[in-house]
Protein backbone atom coordinates (compact mmCIF):
# COMPACT_ATOMS: atom_id res chain seq x y z
CA MET A 1 -83.60 93.06 147.16
CA THR A 2 -85.10 91.15 144.26
CA GLN A 3 -84.87 87.46 143.46
CA TYR A 4 -82.34 88.19 140.73
CA ASP A 5 -80.21 90.07 143.24
CA LEU A 6 -80.01 86.65 144.90
CA ALA A 7 -78.71 85.17 141.65
CA THR A 8 -76.01 87.85 141.56
CA ARG A 9 -75.05 87.13 145.16
CA LEU A 10 -74.84 83.42 144.45
CA VAL A 11 -72.56 84.07 141.49
CA LYS A 12 -70.31 86.29 143.61
CA ALA A 13 -70.24 83.69 146.38
CA ARG A 14 -68.83 81.16 143.94
CA GLN A 15 -66.41 83.56 142.29
CA GLN A 16 -65.11 85.19 145.46
CA HIS A 17 -65.55 82.23 147.83
CA ARG A 18 -67.55 84.32 150.27
CA PRO A 19 -70.82 82.94 151.64
CA VAL A 20 -74.15 84.69 151.24
CA GLU A 21 -75.21 86.14 154.57
CA GLY A 22 -78.34 87.83 155.81
CA LEU A 23 -81.05 86.55 153.49
CA SER A 24 -84.08 88.83 153.64
CA LEU A 25 -87.60 87.59 153.02
CA ASP A 26 -87.99 89.67 149.86
CA SER A 27 -84.90 88.03 148.33
CA LEU A 28 -86.31 84.51 148.59
CA PRO A 29 -87.83 82.90 145.50
CA PRO A 30 -91.60 82.79 146.05
CA ASP A 31 -92.05 79.51 144.20
CA ALA A 32 -90.19 76.69 142.48
CA ALA A 33 -90.46 78.32 139.05
CA SER A 34 -88.58 81.35 140.36
CA ALA A 35 -85.95 79.13 141.98
CA TYR A 36 -85.40 77.29 138.70
CA ALA A 37 -85.07 80.62 136.88
CA ILE A 38 -82.42 81.72 139.39
CA GLN A 39 -80.50 78.48 138.75
CA GLN A 40 -80.27 79.35 135.07
CA ALA A 41 -79.32 82.95 135.86
CA VAL A 42 -76.44 81.70 138.01
CA ILE A 43 -75.12 79.47 135.21
CA ALA A 44 -75.27 82.44 132.85
CA GLY A 45 -73.68 84.74 135.41
CA LEU A 46 -70.76 82.38 135.86
CA GLY A 47 -70.15 82.51 132.11
CA THR A 48 -70.13 78.74 131.86
CA THR A 49 -72.32 75.96 130.51
CA THR A 50 -74.21 73.14 132.14
CA GLY A 51 -72.20 69.97 132.70
CA GLY A 52 -74.82 67.89 134.43
CA TRP A 53 -77.83 67.89 136.72
CA LYS A 54 -78.64 66.58 140.16
CA ILE A 55 -82.18 65.30 140.62
CA GLY A 56 -83.93 63.56 143.46
CA ALA A 57 -87.08 62.90 145.48
CA LYS A 58 -87.68 62.20 149.15
CA SER A 59 -89.63 58.99 148.53
CA PRO A 60 -90.86 56.84 145.61
CA GLY A 61 -93.49 58.76 143.69
CA ALA A 62 -92.91 62.00 145.61
CA ALA A 63 -92.43 65.32 143.87
CA ALA A 64 -88.97 65.51 142.33
CA SER A 65 -86.63 68.47 142.11
CA GLY A 66 -83.33 69.17 140.44
CA ALA A 67 -80.63 71.64 139.55
CA PRO A 68 -78.05 72.18 136.82
CA ILE A 69 -74.38 71.69 137.72
CA PRO A 70 -71.86 74.10 136.14
CA ALA A 71 -69.56 72.28 133.72
CA PRO A 72 -66.36 73.01 135.69
CA CYS A 73 -67.93 71.30 138.71
CA VAL A 74 -68.33 67.95 136.91
CA ILE A 75 -64.94 66.28 137.32
CA ALA A 76 -63.77 62.86 136.15
CA SER A 77 -62.31 60.36 138.62
CA PRO A 78 -59.59 60.07 139.80
CA ALA A 79 -59.97 63.65 140.97
CA SER A 80 -57.95 65.96 143.17
CA VAL A 81 -59.93 68.85 144.64
CA ALA A 82 -59.16 71.29 147.43
CA HIS A 83 -61.19 70.79 150.60
CA SER A 84 -60.79 74.52 151.24
CA GLY A 85 -62.45 75.27 147.91
CA PHE A 86 -65.82 74.49 149.45
CA PHE A 87 -67.67 76.13 152.32
CA ARG A 88 -68.36 72.64 153.70
CA VAL A 89 -67.91 69.12 152.33
CA LEU A 90 -70.56 66.43 152.57
CA LEU A 91 -70.16 63.24 150.54
CA GLU A 92 -72.89 61.23 148.82
CA LEU A 93 -72.49 58.07 146.72
CA GLU A 94 -74.87 58.05 143.77
CA ILE A 95 -75.74 56.50 140.42
CA ALA A 96 -75.67 58.77 137.39
CA PHE A 97 -76.79 58.48 133.78
CA ARG A 98 -76.05 59.95 130.36
CA PHE A 99 -78.32 59.95 127.33
CA THR A 100 -77.40 58.73 123.87
CA GLU A 101 -78.55 61.82 122.00
CA PRO A 102 -79.88 65.34 122.55
CA ILE A 103 -83.45 65.45 123.82
CA GLU A 104 -85.29 68.49 122.54
CA PRO A 105 -88.21 70.24 124.23
CA ARG A 106 -91.64 69.45 122.84
CA ASN A 107 -95.27 70.12 123.75
CA VAL A 108 -96.19 66.45 124.27
CA ALA A 109 -94.84 64.85 127.43
CA TYR A 110 -92.17 62.19 127.04
CA ALA A 111 -93.35 58.75 128.13
CA ARG A 112 -91.28 56.53 130.41
CA ASP A 113 -90.37 54.09 127.65
CA GLU A 114 -89.22 56.94 125.40
CA VAL A 115 -86.96 58.31 128.11
CA LEU A 116 -85.38 55.01 129.11
CA ALA A 117 -84.82 54.10 125.46
CA ARG A 118 -82.55 57.15 125.24
CA VAL A 119 -80.37 56.23 128.24
CA GLY A 120 -76.90 55.40 126.94
CA THR A 121 -74.62 54.88 129.91
CA VAL A 122 -74.70 54.56 133.68
CA LEU A 123 -71.91 55.31 136.14
CA PRO A 124 -71.02 55.68 139.82
CA ALA A 125 -70.60 59.22 141.12
CA ILE A 126 -69.78 61.02 144.33
CA GLU A 127 -71.53 64.30 144.91
CA ILE A 128 -69.85 66.88 147.11
CA VAL A 129 -72.72 68.68 148.78
CA ASP A 130 -72.10 72.31 149.63
CA SER A 131 -74.05 75.53 150.05
CA ARG A 132 -73.27 79.16 149.33
CA PHE A 133 -75.39 80.23 152.33
CA ALA A 134 -73.63 80.98 155.63
CA ASP A 135 -76.66 79.82 157.65
CA TRP A 136 -77.07 76.45 155.92
CA PRO A 137 -78.84 74.15 156.70
CA GLU A 138 -81.18 76.69 158.32
CA VAL A 139 -82.10 78.08 154.91
CA ALA A 140 -85.48 78.13 153.19
CA PRO A 141 -85.90 75.10 150.87
CA LEU A 142 -86.62 77.29 147.84
CA ALA A 143 -83.40 79.24 148.46
CA GLN A 144 -81.51 75.95 148.56
CA LEU A 145 -83.19 74.94 145.32
CA ALA A 146 -82.08 78.23 143.76
CA ASP A 147 -78.53 77.50 144.96
CA ALA A 148 -78.17 74.42 142.73
CA GLN A 149 -79.93 72.31 145.39
CA ASN A 150 -76.71 72.50 147.50
CA ASN A 151 -74.42 71.02 144.87
CA GLY A 152 -70.69 71.68 145.26
CA ALA A 153 -69.24 69.29 142.69
CA LEU A 154 -69.85 65.94 141.04
CA ILE A 155 -67.03 63.43 140.65
CA THR A 156 -67.80 60.85 137.98
CA GLY A 157 -66.53 57.31 137.56
CA GLN A 158 -66.12 55.39 134.33
CA SER A 159 -69.39 54.86 132.50
CA VAL A 160 -70.72 51.49 131.31
CA PRO A 161 -73.38 50.81 128.66
CA TYR A 162 -76.84 50.97 130.16
CA ALA A 163 -78.09 48.17 127.92
CA GLY A 164 -75.59 45.79 129.49
CA VAL A 165 -76.87 46.25 133.05
CA ALA A 166 -80.49 47.38 132.66
CA ARG A 167 -82.09 43.97 133.27
CA THR A 168 -79.79 42.54 135.93
CA PHE A 169 -78.51 45.43 138.03
CA ASP A 170 -80.26 46.23 141.31
CA PHE A 171 -80.91 49.98 141.02
CA VAL A 172 -82.90 50.04 144.28
CA SER A 173 -80.38 48.43 146.66
CA PRO A 174 -77.01 47.92 144.97
CA GLU A 175 -74.00 46.56 146.80
CA LEU A 176 -71.63 49.44 147.45
CA ASP A 177 -68.70 50.89 149.42
CA LEU A 178 -67.79 54.43 150.41
CA THR A 179 -64.73 55.14 152.54
CA PHE A 180 -62.81 58.16 153.80
CA ASN A 181 -59.17 57.45 154.66
CA GLY A 182 -60.08 53.76 154.66
CA ALA A 183 -62.95 54.08 157.16
CA SER A 184 -66.39 53.06 155.95
CA LEU A 185 -69.10 55.70 155.62
CA VAL A 186 -71.78 53.18 154.67
CA PRO A 187 -74.71 53.13 157.13
CA GLY A 188 -76.48 50.02 158.33
CA SER A 189 -79.16 50.36 155.68
CA THR A 190 -78.74 51.84 152.24
CA GLY A 191 -80.96 52.82 149.36
CA ASN A 192 -82.07 55.75 147.26
CA PRO A 193 -84.98 57.61 148.92
CA ALA A 194 -86.66 57.84 145.51
CA GLY A 195 -86.53 54.07 145.02
CA ASP A 196 -85.48 53.19 141.47
CA PRO A 197 -83.65 56.33 140.32
CA ARG A 198 -84.54 55.72 136.68
CA GLU A 199 -88.05 56.96 137.43
CA LEU A 200 -86.54 60.38 138.16
CA LEU A 201 -85.20 60.57 134.61
CA VAL A 202 -88.76 60.75 133.29
CA TRP A 203 -89.45 63.77 135.50
CA PHE A 204 -86.15 65.33 134.47
CA VAL A 205 -86.73 65.09 130.74
CA ASN A 206 -90.19 66.61 131.02
CA HIS A 207 -88.98 69.27 133.47
CA CYS A 208 -86.36 70.39 130.96
CA ALA A 209 -88.91 70.30 128.16
CA ALA A 210 -91.23 72.56 130.16
CA MET A 211 -88.36 75.01 130.68
CA GLY A 212 -87.38 74.95 127.02
CA ILE A 213 -84.04 73.31 127.80
CA ALA A 214 -82.46 70.85 125.36
CA ILE A 215 -80.69 67.99 127.16
CA GLU A 216 -77.19 67.29 125.89
CA PRO A 217 -75.81 63.73 125.73
CA GLU A 218 -72.60 64.72 127.51
CA TRP A 219 -74.51 65.87 130.61
CA THR A 220 -74.17 63.63 133.66
CA ILE A 221 -77.49 63.24 135.49
CA THR A 222 -77.00 62.12 139.08
CA THR A 223 -79.99 60.80 140.96
CA GLY A 224 -79.54 60.92 144.73
CA THR A 225 -77.56 59.33 147.50
CA TYR A 226 -77.66 55.70 148.63
CA VAL A 227 -75.72 56.33 151.85
CA GLY A 228 -76.96 59.65 153.22
CA ALA A 229 -74.64 62.66 153.40
CA HIS A 230 -71.39 62.48 155.38
CA ARG A 231 -69.66 65.67 156.47
CA ILE A 232 -65.88 65.59 156.06
CA GLU A 233 -63.92 68.17 158.05
CA GLN A 234 -60.41 67.60 156.72
CA PRO A 235 -58.40 66.61 153.64
CA GLY A 236 -58.08 62.92 152.85
CA THR A 237 -58.81 60.15 150.40
CA VAL A 238 -62.30 59.14 149.30
CA HIS A 239 -63.12 55.89 147.55
CA GLY A 240 -66.52 54.87 146.30
CA ARG A 241 -67.60 51.71 144.57
CA ILE A 242 -70.92 50.47 143.27
CA TYR A 243 -70.53 46.81 142.43
CA GLY A 244 -71.54 46.06 138.87
CA LEU A 245 -70.88 49.66 137.78
CA GLY A 246 -67.44 50.73 138.91
CA GLU A 247 -65.39 52.96 141.17
CA VAL A 248 -64.80 56.65 141.82
CA ASP A 249 -61.86 58.20 143.68
CA ILE A 250 -61.17 61.64 145.14
CA VAL A 251 -58.18 63.13 146.90
CA LEU A 252 -59.35 66.07 149.03
CA THR A 253 -56.20 68.18 149.34
């Protein structure tokens, strides 16, 4: 089996709602570049476009990674989605961004100030984490990266102008709520593992440039959880709020 056989299997897993089983060593992407190529092959195989990206890092300054999210999987709040439409449901409360204009690839790296000057809006989002692999989470990290870095869907709240909050909003430790059927999912300590998520946008823009990908202003770029990931085993109502940004609501049917 080749790496692009894996892309085909990932497409079929989404289309047929059947998990990928029995990953062989020769089907695994050997490096990150191959995993990123598989991501793009899956988007093409689904016959859709990109609607957003998820990006993140395990600590401030650590190597970042990301994945495109198929457009049908980016859904505006209030949203109603079937719990059974996923192989598993884990919830993450995140901050997302959109740019003001397309950002084209170029040979010279984009500087931090150039990237942040192009941020147009910021919004709360809830990521539904899922995986197409039957053995998840016991799956090779590069295979997970190839599988959209375990993205199932992204539910987006109302956006607000970035310029209005850039200087006063606490992007490192915002006040927030996340509940399922009224019960809090917020842990004792919160925060994005990457620190200030805006730093990830610089990596993202230059990552896309290196891949020859033009960033569209309608894409929603989500930047990692502030509350960990919470597995939800049944239908119910999800409410998220990031104070100073807004709210996001999901009914899992």
